[in-house]
Amino acid sequence: MKKKKDQIKRNINPIFVIILIAILTMIISSILSLLGLEGQKTTIVNNNLETSLITVKNIFSIEGIKFLLGGAITNFQVLEPLGLLIVSLITVSFIDFSGIIKPLVTPLKKLKPFVLTFLVLIISALFSFVGDYSYLLLMPLVALMYKELGKNPILGIITVFLGLTLAYGAGFVSDNNDYLLGILTEQAAKIDVDKNYKYHLMSNFYISISTLILVALLLTYSLEKRISPKLTKRKKDEIEEEIIEDIDPKDNKKAIIVASTIFIFFVGILIYSIIPGLPFSGILLDSESSTYFASLFSDNAPFKEGFPYIMLGIIMFITYVYRKITKNTADYSKSVSKELYGIGYILTLLFFTTQIIAIINWTNVGEVIASNLISFMSTLEFSGLPLIITLFIVTVIMGIFIPSTIGKWALMAPMIVPLFMRSNITPDFTQFIFKMADGIGKSMTPIYVYFIIMLGFIQKYNEDKKITIFGTYRLLMPTILIVAGLILLIIVCWFIIGLPLGTSTYPAL
């Protein structure tokens, strides 16, 4: 009887689980509001530290009910991944219906499962330089590749999610988050401790490469030995049914050569358009930004905003050429609608998730809890390893309530960076610890929108209809905890040994 009840709990629909979390969040906010919970938030304003009092607001107040009812649609509409999700699915649909995916992944069939998984993890971590779009493009694309290879597409989706979430902090290709984190770190260090401090994007290069390789190796082992065996294996007859009509080998070879040439040509143009100082170059850069990295990733940079649409245009063109040469008569509209099938489920999950996020933001629950954790750290009298371990744990806990990387660091940096500098720990190392712990926290929270989107993609390929939030966490949590232990071990050992973080930076001052 007990077993049956546990099974029912595990099989609760994710939509109902998210609704329950929303209700629980509202109840908790009301209780904390009645208890008068408050916190001191320190932020950097005009190169000065400003401290303000924040309190938990009651969502069941008149003001709260007005916000809840009046902002539900708006909260969903302003969700950034919505447009990018549709663009990425259309991009993948063109790759799928053109038939180009088959010749592209055929060479991968020779790879051993461990090698393929390791490569997907490394590519996922490196591709994070384009920001959150990497989730939306790689998860459906790798699922399509795994499907063509006869592997379970769900394994591909999970591999990309873990690679982007757990290993993103170790990605040595800098992205917009690195740039913004660096600005906050530098400001915090200059205001309170060292006015001459400068943060460099490559300051954690050595430790990042080492951590990425070790994390990818551990994830590869866990995915192949722990997670893959628990997923439903695809049947032979199902794989055979999906095989498309054979294409003339000569036409296929010619089409691949032409498509590859065109792709390289367009990528060359794309690269040229983000190089400043050359004739007619730099058109995708923000000319008003003071640094190159800012001009590439600022909110006004055409590259940052336009990259997903540029990729869609390139893929549409090369797949059209491939189809013409191979005489593929697949219908565009049917293929696109097929790839977008099931998006309604993802949108439903996201609608209720955005309500939770909005409630947490409006009630200040996340910020109050975070500010109290930060204040707790600032009162600690120990330094060195205990302080490092405390920061790691506190960041993971904060990540459950505040998934936003920049949002957390904006709260933490003004207090934590000076605290660590006074404990003889460099800002560069402090930021690295934060980034790695931030990825762990994101992977553990059900209000991280890309976890919800991952669930939606899994549902598309799930045939027995048993994928749930609890079931997914039961599948992933052992791997997440093991990786967290490895990352913490790397951080501790690096600090004890005193190895260089980058070309001219060290863990200790």
Protein backbone atom coordinates (compact mmCIF):
# COMPACT_ATOMS: atom_id res chain seq x y z
CA MET A 1 0.00 0.00 0.00
CA LYS A 2 2.83 2.38 0.89
CA LYS A 3 4.55 1.57 -2.39
CA LYS A 4 1.39 2.44 -4.31
CA LYS A 5 1.08 5.82 -2.56
CA ASP A 6 4.72 6.64 -3.32
CA GLN A 7 4.13 5.77 -6.97
CA ILE A 8 1.11 8.10 -7.09
CA LYS A 9 3.18 10.93 -5.57
CA ARG A 10 5.92 10.44 -8.12
CA ASN A 11 3.44 10.46 -11.00
CA ILE A 12 1.79 13.81 -10.19
CA ASN A 13 1.54 15.90 -13.35
CA PRO A 14 4.24 18.62 -13.48
CA ILE A 15 1.58 21.28 -14.05
CA PHE A 16 -0.09 20.43 -10.74
CA VAL A 17 3.29 20.32 -8.98
CA ILE A 18 4.11 23.81 -10.25
CA ILE A 19 0.69 25.08 -9.13
CA LEU A 20 1.30 23.55 -5.69
CA ILE A 21 4.70 25.25 -5.50
CA ALA A 22 3.04 28.57 -6.41
CA ILE A 23 0.45 28.12 -3.64
CA LEU A 24 3.14 27.10 -1.16
CA THR A 25 5.21 30.17 -2.12
CA MET A 26 2.23 32.43 -1.46
CA ILE A 27 1.56 30.82 1.94
CA ILE A 28 5.21 31.06 2.97
CA SER A 29 5.41 34.71 1.89
CA SER A 30 2.32 35.50 3.97
CA ILE A 31 3.69 33.75 7.06
CA LEU A 32 7.10 35.46 6.73
CA SER A 33 5.34 38.80 6.19
CA LEU A 34 3.27 38.35 9.36
CA LEU A 35 6.45 37.41 11.25
CA GLY A 36 8.02 40.65 10.05
CA LEU A 37 11.02 39.02 8.35
CA GLU A 38 13.31 41.63 6.82
CA GLY A 39 16.83 42.00 5.52
CA GLN A 40 19.52 44.56 4.70
CA LYS A 41 20.33 44.73 0.98
CA THR A 42 23.63 46.33 -0.05
CA THR A 43 24.02 47.35 -3.69
CA ILE A 44 26.46 49.39 -5.76
CA VAL A 45 24.95 52.69 -6.94
CA ASN A 46 27.15 55.26 -8.75
CA ASN A 47 30.30 53.55 -7.43
CA ASN A 48 29.06 53.79 -3.86
CA LEU A 49 27.61 51.20 -1.50
CA GLU A 50 23.99 51.78 -0.58
CA THR A 51 22.15 49.73 2.04
CA SER A 52 18.37 49.51 2.09
CA LEU A 53 15.83 47.66 4.19
CA ILE A 54 13.71 45.04 2.42
CA THR A 55 10.73 43.26 3.93
CA VAL A 56 8.58 40.34 2.86
CA LYS A 57 5.28 41.53 1.40
CA ASN A 58 2.04 39.63 1.91
CA ILE A 59 0.65 38.33 -1.40
CA PHE A 60 -2.77 37.90 0.26
CA SER A 61 -3.03 41.64 0.93
CA ILE A 62 -5.23 43.83 -1.29
CA GLU A 63 -2.14 45.10 -3.08
CA GLY A 64 -0.84 41.55 -3.52
CA ILE A 65 -4.12 40.20 -4.92
CA LYS A 66 -4.25 43.09 -7.39
CA PHE A 67 -0.71 42.24 -8.52
CA LEU A 68 -1.51 38.53 -8.77
CA LEU A 69 -4.63 38.97 -10.86
CA GLY A 70 -3.56 42.02 -12.84
CA GLY A 71 -0.07 40.85 -13.80
CA ALA A 72 -0.54 37.17 -14.66
CA ILE A 73 -0.61 37.64 -18.44
CA THR A 74 2.07 40.33 -18.40
CA ASN A 75 4.41 38.14 -16.35
CA PHE A 76 4.15 35.46 -19.02
CA GLN A 77 4.45 37.81 -21.99
CA VAL A 78 7.73 39.35 -20.82
CA LEU A 79 9.39 35.92 -20.49
CA GLU A 80 12.43 36.21 -22.77
CA PRO A 81 12.76 32.54 -23.83
CA LEU A 82 9.33 32.50 -25.52
CA GLY A 83 10.40 34.03 -28.84
CA LEU A 84 13.76 32.27 -28.81
CA LEU A 85 12.05 28.93 -28.15
CA ILE A 86 9.91 29.22 -31.27
CA VAL A 87 12.86 30.41 -33.39
CA SER A 88 15.05 27.51 -32.22
CA LEU A 89 12.33 24.92 -32.88
CA ILE A 90 11.79 26.28 -36.40
CA THR A 91 15.57 26.12 -36.94
CA VAL A 92 15.69 22.49 -35.85
CA SER A 93 12.62 21.64 -37.94
CA PHE A 94 14.41 22.77 -41.12
CA ILE A 95 17.38 20.57 -40.22
CA ASP A 96 15.02 17.66 -39.59
CA PHE A 97 12.76 17.79 -42.63
CA SER A 98 15.61 18.47 -45.10
CA GLY A 99 17.17 15.10 -44.27
CA ILE A 100 20.60 16.69 -43.81
CA ILE A 101 20.82 15.41 -40.25
CA LYS A 102 21.36 11.81 -41.41
CA PRO A 103 24.63 12.32 -43.37
CA LEU A 104 25.86 14.74 -40.69
CA VAL A 105 25.50 12.28 -37.81
CA THR A 106 26.47 9.12 -39.73
CA PRO A 107 30.21 9.52 -38.89
CA LEU A 108 29.23 9.75 -35.20
CA LYS A 109 27.92 6.18 -35.30
CA LYS A 110 31.53 4.99 -35.16
CA LEU A 111 32.08 6.73 -31.83
CA LYS A 112 31.73 4.85 -28.58
CA PRO A 113 28.87 6.05 -26.36
CA PHE A 114 31.32 7.46 -23.79
CA VAL A 115 33.15 9.51 -26.43
CA LEU A 116 29.90 10.84 -27.93
CA THR A 117 28.55 11.87 -24.53
CA PHE A 118 31.83 13.56 -23.59
CA LEU A 119 31.86 15.53 -26.86
CA VAL A 120 28.24 16.66 -26.40
CA LEU A 121 29.06 17.88 -22.87
CA ILE A 122 32.14 19.81 -24.02
CA ILE A 123 30.31 21.38 -26.98
CA SER A 124 27.39 22.31 -24.71
CA ALA A 125 29.71 24.07 -22.25
CA LEU A 126 31.54 25.91 -25.04
CA PHE A 127 28.32 26.89 -26.84
CA SER A 128 27.14 28.67 -23.69
CA PHE A 129 28.88 31.82 -24.99
CA VAL A 130 25.65 32.68 -26.86
CA GLY A 131 23.77 32.74 -23.56
CA ASP A 132 20.49 31.05 -22.76
CA TYR A 133 19.77 30.47 -26.47
CA SER A 134 22.21 27.55 -26.18
CA TYR A 135 19.60 25.59 -24.16
CA LEU A 136 16.86 26.23 -26.67
CA LEU A 137 18.89 25.23 -29.73
CA LEU A 138 21.05 22.39 -28.41
CA MET A 139 18.41 20.43 -26.47
CA PRO A 140 16.10 19.77 -29.46
CA LEU A 141 19.02 19.52 -31.90
CA VAL A 142 20.96 16.92 -29.88
CA ALA A 143 17.69 15.03 -29.28
CA LEU A 144 17.25 14.87 -33.05
CA MET A 145 20.83 13.64 -33.46
CA TYR A 146 20.39 10.94 -30.82
CA LYS A 147 17.14 9.86 -32.46
CA GLU A 148 18.93 9.46 -35.80
CA LEU A 149 21.74 7.52 -34.10
CA GLY A 150 19.25 5.09 -32.56
CA LYS A 151 19.87 6.41 -29.05
CA ASN A 152 17.24 7.67 -26.65
CA PRO A 153 16.62 11.38 -27.44
CA ILE A 154 15.80 11.98 -23.76
CA LEU A 155 19.41 11.11 -22.90
CA GLY A 156 20.57 13.77 -25.36
CA ILE A 157 18.28 16.40 -23.80
CA ILE A 158 19.48 15.58 -20.29
CA THR A 159 23.13 15.57 -21.42
CA VAL A 160 22.82 19.08 -22.86
CA PHE A 161 20.98 20.39 -19.79
CA LEU A 162 23.59 19.05 -17.37
CA GLY A 163 26.46 20.18 -19.58
CA LEU A 164 25.12 23.73 -19.83
CA THR A 165 24.02 24.01 -16.21
CA LEU A 166 26.73 22.23 -14.23
CA ALA A 167 29.69 22.99 -16.48
CA TYR A 168 28.82 26.49 -17.66
CA GLY A 169 30.81 28.08 -14.83
CA ALA A 170 33.91 26.29 -16.12
CA GLY A 171 33.41 27.35 -19.72
CA PHE A 172 36.61 29.14 -20.71
CA VAL A 173 34.87 30.90 -23.63
CA SER A 174 33.53 34.07 -22.02
CA ASP A 175 29.90 35.11 -22.40
CA ASN A 176 27.79 38.11 -21.47
CA ASN A 177 27.35 36.85 -17.91
CA ASP A 178 31.13 36.73 -17.43
CA TYR A 179 31.38 40.32 -18.58
CA LEU A 180 28.60 41.53 -16.25
CA LEU A 181 29.88 39.47 -13.32
CA GLY A 182 33.35 40.91 -13.87
CA ILE A 183 32.01 44.47 -13.75
CA LEU A 184 30.26 43.80 -10.44
CA THR A 185 33.35 42.06 -9.01
CA GLU A 186 35.64 44.91 -10.03
CA GLN A 187 33.32 47.56 -8.61
CA ALA A 188 32.99 45.72 -5.30
CA ALA A 189 36.75 45.30 -4.99
CA LYS A 190 37.52 48.92 -5.87
CA ILE A 191 34.93 50.56 -3.63
CA ASP A 192 35.87 48.90 -0.40
CA VAL A 193 39.38 47.43 -0.62
CA ASP A 194 41.65 47.94 -3.67
CA LYS A 195 41.06 50.92 -5.99
CA ASN A 196 43.62 49.57 -8.47
CA TYR A 197 42.02 46.14 -8.93
CA LYS A 198 41.17 45.09 -12.51
CA TYR A 199 39.17 42.02 -13.47
CA HIS A 200 40.22 40.13 -16.61
CA LEU A 201 37.94 37.76 -18.49
CA MET A 202 40.71 35.17 -18.77
CA SER A 203 41.77 35.39 -15.13
CA ASN A 204 40.32 31.92 -14.37
CA PHE A 205 41.42 30.26 -17.61
CA TYR A 206 43.53 27.40 -16.15
CA ILE A 207 41.10 26.37 -13.42
CA SER A 208 38.19 26.64 -15.86
CA ILE A 209 39.74 24.25 -18.39
CA SER A 210 40.73 21.77 -15.71
CA THR A 211 37.32 21.85 -14.03
CA LEU A 212 35.47 21.53 -17.35
CA ILE A 213 37.40 18.41 -18.36
CA LEU A 214 37.03 16.72 -14.95
CA VAL A 215 33.33 17.58 -14.66
CA ALA A 216 32.69 16.39 -18.23
CA LEU A 217 34.44 13.08 -17.51
CA LEU A 218 32.42 12.50 -14.34
CA LEU A 219 29.17 13.50 -16.06
CA THR A 220 29.97 11.15 -18.96
CA TYR A 221 30.41 8.23 -16.60
CA SER A 222 27.26 9.06 -14.65
CA LEU A 223 25.14 9.59 -17.78
CA GLU A 224 26.23 6.32 -19.36
CA LYS A 225 26.30 4.15 -16.25
CA ARG A 226 23.59 5.63 -14.02
CA ILE A 227 21.10 7.59 -16.12
CA SER A 228 21.09 5.88 -19.52
CA PRO A 229 20.21 2.39 -18.18
CA LYS A 230 17.15 3.87 -16.42
CA LEU A 231 15.73 5.33 -19.63
CA THR A 232 13.48 3.33 -21.95
CA LYS A 233 15.45 1.79 -24.79
CA ARG A 234 14.15 2.45 -28.28
CA LYS A 235 12.78 -0.55 -30.14
CA LYS A 236 14.26 -1.63 -33.47
CA ASP A 237 11.00 -1.44 -35.38
CA GLU A 238 10.41 2.12 -34.14
CA ILE A 239 13.85 3.17 -35.40
CA GLU A 240 13.27 1.55 -38.78
CA GLU A 241 9.92 3.33 -39.23
CA GLU A 242 11.67 6.71 -38.98
CA ILE A 243 14.24 6.04 -41.70
CA ILE A 244 13.61 8.43 -44.58
CA GLU A 245 13.62 7.51 -48.26
CA ASP A 246 17.08 6.64 -49.55
CA ILE A 247 18.92 9.39 -51.42
CA ASP A 248 21.25 8.84 -54.35
CA PRO A 249 24.77 8.66 -52.81
CA LYS A 250 26.22 10.93 -55.53
CA ASP A 251 23.54 13.57 -54.97
CA ASN A 252 23.98 13.26 -51.21
CA LYS A 253 27.75 13.74 -51.40
CA LYS A 254 27.39 16.72 -53.72
CA ALA A 255 24.69 18.24 -51.50
CA ILE A 256 26.80 17.90 -48.36
CA ILE A 257 29.82 19.51 -50.02
CA VAL A 258 27.76 22.43 -51.35
CA ALA A 259 25.85 22.91 -48.08
CA SER A 260 29.07 22.77 -46.04
CA THR A 261 30.75 25.31 -48.31
CA ILE A 262 27.79 27.67 -48.03
CA PHE A 263 27.71 27.23 -44.23
CA ILE A 264 31.43 28.03 -43.92
CA PHE A 265 30.94 31.07 -46.17
CA PHE A 266 28.12 32.44 -44.02
CA VAL A 267 30.01 31.75 -40.79
CA GLY A 268 32.95 33.64 -42.28
CA ILE A 269 30.70 36.62 -43.00
CA LEU A 270 29.30 36.39 -39.46
CA ILE A 271 32.79 36.43 -37.94
CA TYR A 272 33.82 39.34 -40.19
CA SER A 273 30.76 41.30 -39.06
CA ILE A 274 31.90 41.18 -35.42
CA ILE A 275 35.51 42.21 -36.10
CA PRO A 276 36.01 45.96 -35.58
CA GLY A 277 38.27 48.19 -37.63
CA LEU A 278 38.11 46.45 -41.03
CA PRO A 279 36.35 47.76 -44.16
CA PHE A 280 32.56 47.31 -43.79
CA SER A 281 33.12 45.14 -40.69
CA GLY A 282 31.66 45.39 -37.21
CA ILE A 283 28.06 45.93 -38.33
CA LEU A 284 26.81 43.56 -35.60
CA LEU A 285 28.62 45.44 -32.83
CA ASP A 286 27.27 48.15 -30.55
CA SER A 287 29.39 51.13 -31.62
CA GLU A 288 28.57 53.09 -28.46
CA SER A 289 30.10 50.56 -26.04
CA SER A 290 33.50 51.28 -24.51
CA THR A 291 34.95 47.75 -24.76
CA TYR A 292 34.84 45.10 -27.45
CA PHE A 293 33.11 42.55 -25.24
CA ALA A 294 30.43 45.07 -24.30
CA SER A 295 29.92 45.97 -27.96
CA LEU A 296 29.37 42.27 -28.69
CA PHE A 297 27.01 41.41 -25.83
CA SER A 298 25.37 44.66 -24.71
CA ASP A 299 21.58 44.91 -24.86
CA ASN A 300 21.91 47.13 -27.93
CA ALA A 301 24.35 44.84 -29.76
CA PRO A 302 22.83 43.43 -33.00
CA PHE A 303 24.93 40.27 -32.52
CA LYS A 304 23.43 39.41 -29.14
CA GLU A 305 19.85 40.09 -30.20
CA GLY A 306 20.13 38.83 -33.75
CA PHE A 307 22.23 35.65 -33.45
CA PRO A 308 19.23 33.25 -33.19
CA TYR A 309 17.63 34.82 -36.27
CA ILE A 310 20.91 34.78 -38.18
CA MET A 311 21.26 31.07 -37.41
CA LEU A 312 17.69 30.48 -38.58
CA GLY A 313 18.39 32.28 -41.87
CA ILE A 314 21.60 30.32 -42.49
CA ILE A 315 19.96 26.97 -41.71
CA MET A 316 16.95 27.76 -43.90
CA PHE A 317 19.18 28.56 -46.86
CA ILE A 318 21.58 25.60 -46.63
CA THR A 319 18.78 23.10 -45.99
CA TYR A 320 16.89 24.51 -49.00
CA VAL A 321 19.98 23.99 -51.17
CA TYR A 322 20.44 20.48 -49.77
CA ARG A 323 16.81 19.60 -50.49
CA LYS A 324 17.04 20.84 -54.06
CA ILE A 325 20.18 18.84 -54.84
CA THR A 326 18.88 15.64 -53.19
CA LYS A 327 15.40 16.15 -54.67
CA ASN A 328 13.73 16.00 -51.26
CA THR A 329 10.06 16.94 -51.68
CA ALA A 330 9.17 17.22 -47.96
CA ASP A 331 6.57 19.88 -47.16
CA TYR A 332 7.95 22.87 -45.24
CA SER A 333 4.74 23.65 -43.37
CA LYS A 334 4.12 20.07 -42.24
CA SER A 335 7.68 19.71 -41.00
CA VAL A 336 7.60 22.95 -38.99
CA SER A 337 4.25 22.06 -37.43
CA LYS A 338 5.62 18.61 -36.54
CA GLU A 339 8.59 20.10 -34.64
CA LEU A 340 6.31 22.60 -32.88
CA TYR A 341 4.00 19.79 -31.82
CA GLY A 342 3.89 19.66 -28.04
CA ILE A 343 4.98 23.28 -27.56
CA GLY A 344 1.60 23.94 -25.92
CA TYR A 345 2.67 21.72 -23.03
CA ILE A 346 5.90 23.69 -22.59
CA LEU A 347 3.99 26.99 -22.72
CA THR A 348 1.57 25.75 -20.05
CA LEU A 349 4.44 24.79 -17.76
CA LEU A 350 6.14 28.14 -18.38
CA PHE A 351 2.95 30.11 -17.70
CA PHE A 352 2.64 28.76 -14.15
CA THR A 353 6.41 28.92 -13.57
CA THR A 354 6.46 32.62 -14.45
CA GLN A 355 3.77 33.18 -11.83
CA ILE A 356 6.00 31.61 -9.15
CA ILE A 357 8.93 33.77 -10.22
CA ALA A 358 6.74 36.88 -10.21
CA ILE A 359 5.40 36.05 -6.72
CA ILE A 360 8.93 35.53 -5.37
CA ASN A 361 10.07 38.83 -6.89
CA TRP A 362 7.05 40.84 -5.73
CA THR A 363 7.02 39.48 -2.18
CA ASN A 364 10.81 39.88 -1.87
CA VAL A 365 11.03 36.38 -0.37
CA GLY A 366 14.12 35.47 -2.42
CA GLU A 367 15.93 38.74 -1.73
CA VAL A 368 15.15 38.72 2.00
CA ILE A 369 16.39 35.13 2.40
CA ALA A 370 19.46 35.93 0.29
CA SER A 371 20.27 39.12 2.20
CA ASN A 372 20.06 37.28 5.52
CA LEU A 373 22.38 34.56 4.23
CA ILE A 374 24.84 37.23 3.06
CA SER A 375 24.61 39.03 6.40
CA PHE A 376 25.26 35.71 8.14
CA MET A 377 28.42 35.23 6.08
CA SER A 378 29.64 38.75 6.86
CA THR A 379 29.49 38.00 10.60
CA LEU A 380 31.66 34.89 10.34
CA GLU A 381 35.01 35.20 12.01
CA PHE A 382 36.77 32.38 10.20
CA SER A 383 38.58 32.55 6.85
CA GLY A 384 40.27 30.24 4.35
CA LEU A 385 38.64 26.90 3.56
CA PRO A 386 35.65 27.22 5.95
CA LEU A 387 34.76 30.54 4.32
CA ILE A 388 35.11 29.07 0.81
CA ILE A 389 32.90 26.09 1.65
CA THR A 390 30.33 28.38 3.27
CA LEU A 391 30.16 30.57 0.14
CA PHE A 392 29.67 27.48 -2.03
CA ILE A 393 26.78 26.18 0.11
CA VAL A 394 25.14 29.60 0.52
CA THR A 395 25.27 30.21 -3.25
CA VAL A 396 23.64 26.85 -3.95
CA ILE A 397 20.84 27.64 -1.48
CA MET A 398 20.33 31.10 -2.96
CA GLY A 399 20.18 29.59 -6.44
CA ILE A 400 17.07 27.64 -5.48
CA PHE A 401 15.19 30.90 -4.77
CA ILE A 402 16.95 33.21 -7.26
CA PRO A 403 18.05 31.35 -10.43
CA SER A 404 19.30 34.57 -12.07
CA THR A 405 23.12 34.60 -12.06
CA ILE A 406 23.44 38.38 -12.30
CA GLY A 407 20.62 38.93 -9.81
CA LYS A 408 22.40 36.86 -7.17
CA TRP A 409 25.85 38.35 -7.73
CA ALA A 410 24.45 41.90 -7.63
CA LEU A 411 23.27 41.08 -4.10
CA MET A 412 26.38 39.18 -3.05
CA ALA A 413 29.35 40.96 -4.63
CA PRO A 414 29.26 44.23 -2.58
CA MET A 415 29.60 42.26 0.67
CA ILE A 416 31.28 38.99 -0.31
CA VAL A 417 34.13 40.26 -2.52
CA PRO A 418 35.54 42.63 0.17
CA LEU A 419 35.00 39.95 2.83
CA PHE A 420 37.07 37.45 0.87
CA MET A 421 39.76 40.01 -0.01
CA ARG A 422 40.21 40.76 3.68
CA SER A 423 40.57 37.01 4.17
CA ASN A 424 43.38 37.02 1.59
CA ILE A 425 41.27 35.41 -1.19
CA THR A 426 41.31 37.06 -4.62
CA PRO A 427 38.14 38.42 -6.25
CA ASP A 428 38.85 36.22 -9.30
CA PHE A 429 38.75 33.05 -7.22
CA THR A 430 35.69 34.29 -5.32
CA GLN A 431 33.82 34.82 -8.59
CA PHE A 432 34.83 31.36 -9.83
CA ILE A 433 33.50 29.73 -6.65
CA PHE A 434 30.24 31.64 -7.10
CA LYS A 435 29.84 30.66 -10.76
CA MET A 436 30.37 26.95 -10.12
CA ALA A 437 27.99 26.90 -7.13
CA ASP A 438 25.47 28.95 -9.14
CA GLY A 439 25.25 26.16 -11.73
CA ILE A 440 24.60 23.58 -9.00
CA GLY A 441 21.82 25.72 -7.51
CA LYS A 442 20.13 26.20 -10.89
CA SER A 443 20.10 22.47 -11.56
CA MET A 444 18.28 21.91 -8.25
CA THR A 445 15.44 24.40 -8.54
CA PRO A 446 12.11 23.74 -10.25
CA ILE A 447 11.65 27.45 -10.97
CA TYR A 448 14.60 27.61 -13.39
CA VAL A 449 12.81 28.15 -16.71
CA TYR A 450 15.25 25.98 -18.68
CA PHE A 451 14.62 23.05 -16.35
CA ILE A 452 10.92 23.47 -17.14
CA ILE A 453 11.67 23.68 -20.88
CA MET A 454 13.79 20.53 -20.56
CA LEU A 455 10.78 18.76 -19.04
CA GLY A 456 8.72 19.84 -22.03
CA PHE A 457 11.26 18.47 -24.50
CA ILE A 458 11.46 15.21 -22.55
CA GLN A 459 7.66 14.91 -22.65
CA LYS A 460 7.78 15.09 -26.45
CA TYR A 461 9.90 11.95 -26.65
CA ASN A 462 8.43 10.20 -23.63
CA GLU A 463 6.18 7.36 -24.73
CA ASP A 464 5.02 5.94 -21.40
CA LYS A 465 3.86 9.38 -20.11
CA LYS A 466 5.52 8.96 -16.71
CA ILE A 467 7.96 11.85 -16.72
CA THR A 468 7.34 14.11 -13.70
CA ILE A 469 9.24 16.76 -11.79
CA PHE A 470 9.84 14.39 -8.85
CA GLY A 471 10.80 11.54 -11.17
CA THR A 472 13.23 13.75 -13.09
CA TYR A 473 14.87 14.93 -9.89
CA ARG A 474 15.13 11.36 -8.62
CA LEU A 475 16.93 10.55 -11.86
CA LEU A 476 19.25 13.57 -11.90
CA MET A 477 19.89 14.43 -8.24
CA PRO A 478 22.52 11.74 -7.50
CA THR A 479 24.55 12.96 -10.49
CA ILE A 480 24.12 16.62 -9.50
CA LEU A 481 25.29 15.94 -5.94
CA ILE A 482 28.30 13.90 -7.10
CA VAL A 483 29.34 16.68 -9.50
CA ALA A 484 28.86 19.25 -6.72
CA GLY A 485 31.21 17.22 -4.53
CA LEU A 486 33.82 17.05 -7.31
CA ILE A 487 33.64 20.80 -7.98
CA LEU A 488 34.01 21.61 -4.29
CA LEU A 489 36.99 19.22 -4.08
CA ILE A 490 38.65 20.95 -7.06
CA ILE A 491 38.13 24.37 -5.47
CA VAL A 492 39.52 23.23 -2.11
CA CYS A 493 42.57 21.49 -3.62
CA TRP A 494 43.31 24.44 -5.91
CA PHE A 495 43.28 26.78 -2.93
CA ILE A 496 45.43 24.54 -0.74
CA ILE A 497 48.05 23.93 -3.43
CA GLY A 498 47.97 27.55 -4.58
CA LEU A 499 47.94 26.80 -8.31
CA PRO A 500 47.54 29.77 -10.68
CA LEU A 501 43.97 30.47 -11.76
CA GLY A 502 45.09 32.06 -15.02
CA THR A 503 48.17 33.65 -16.53
CA SER A 504 48.73 36.10 -13.66
CA THR A 505 46.11 35.34 -11.00
CA TYR A 506 46.13 33.10 -7.94
CA PRO A 507 43.57 31.99 -5.32
CA ALA A 508 45.27 34.01 -2.59
CA LEU A 509 46.33 37.65 -2.63
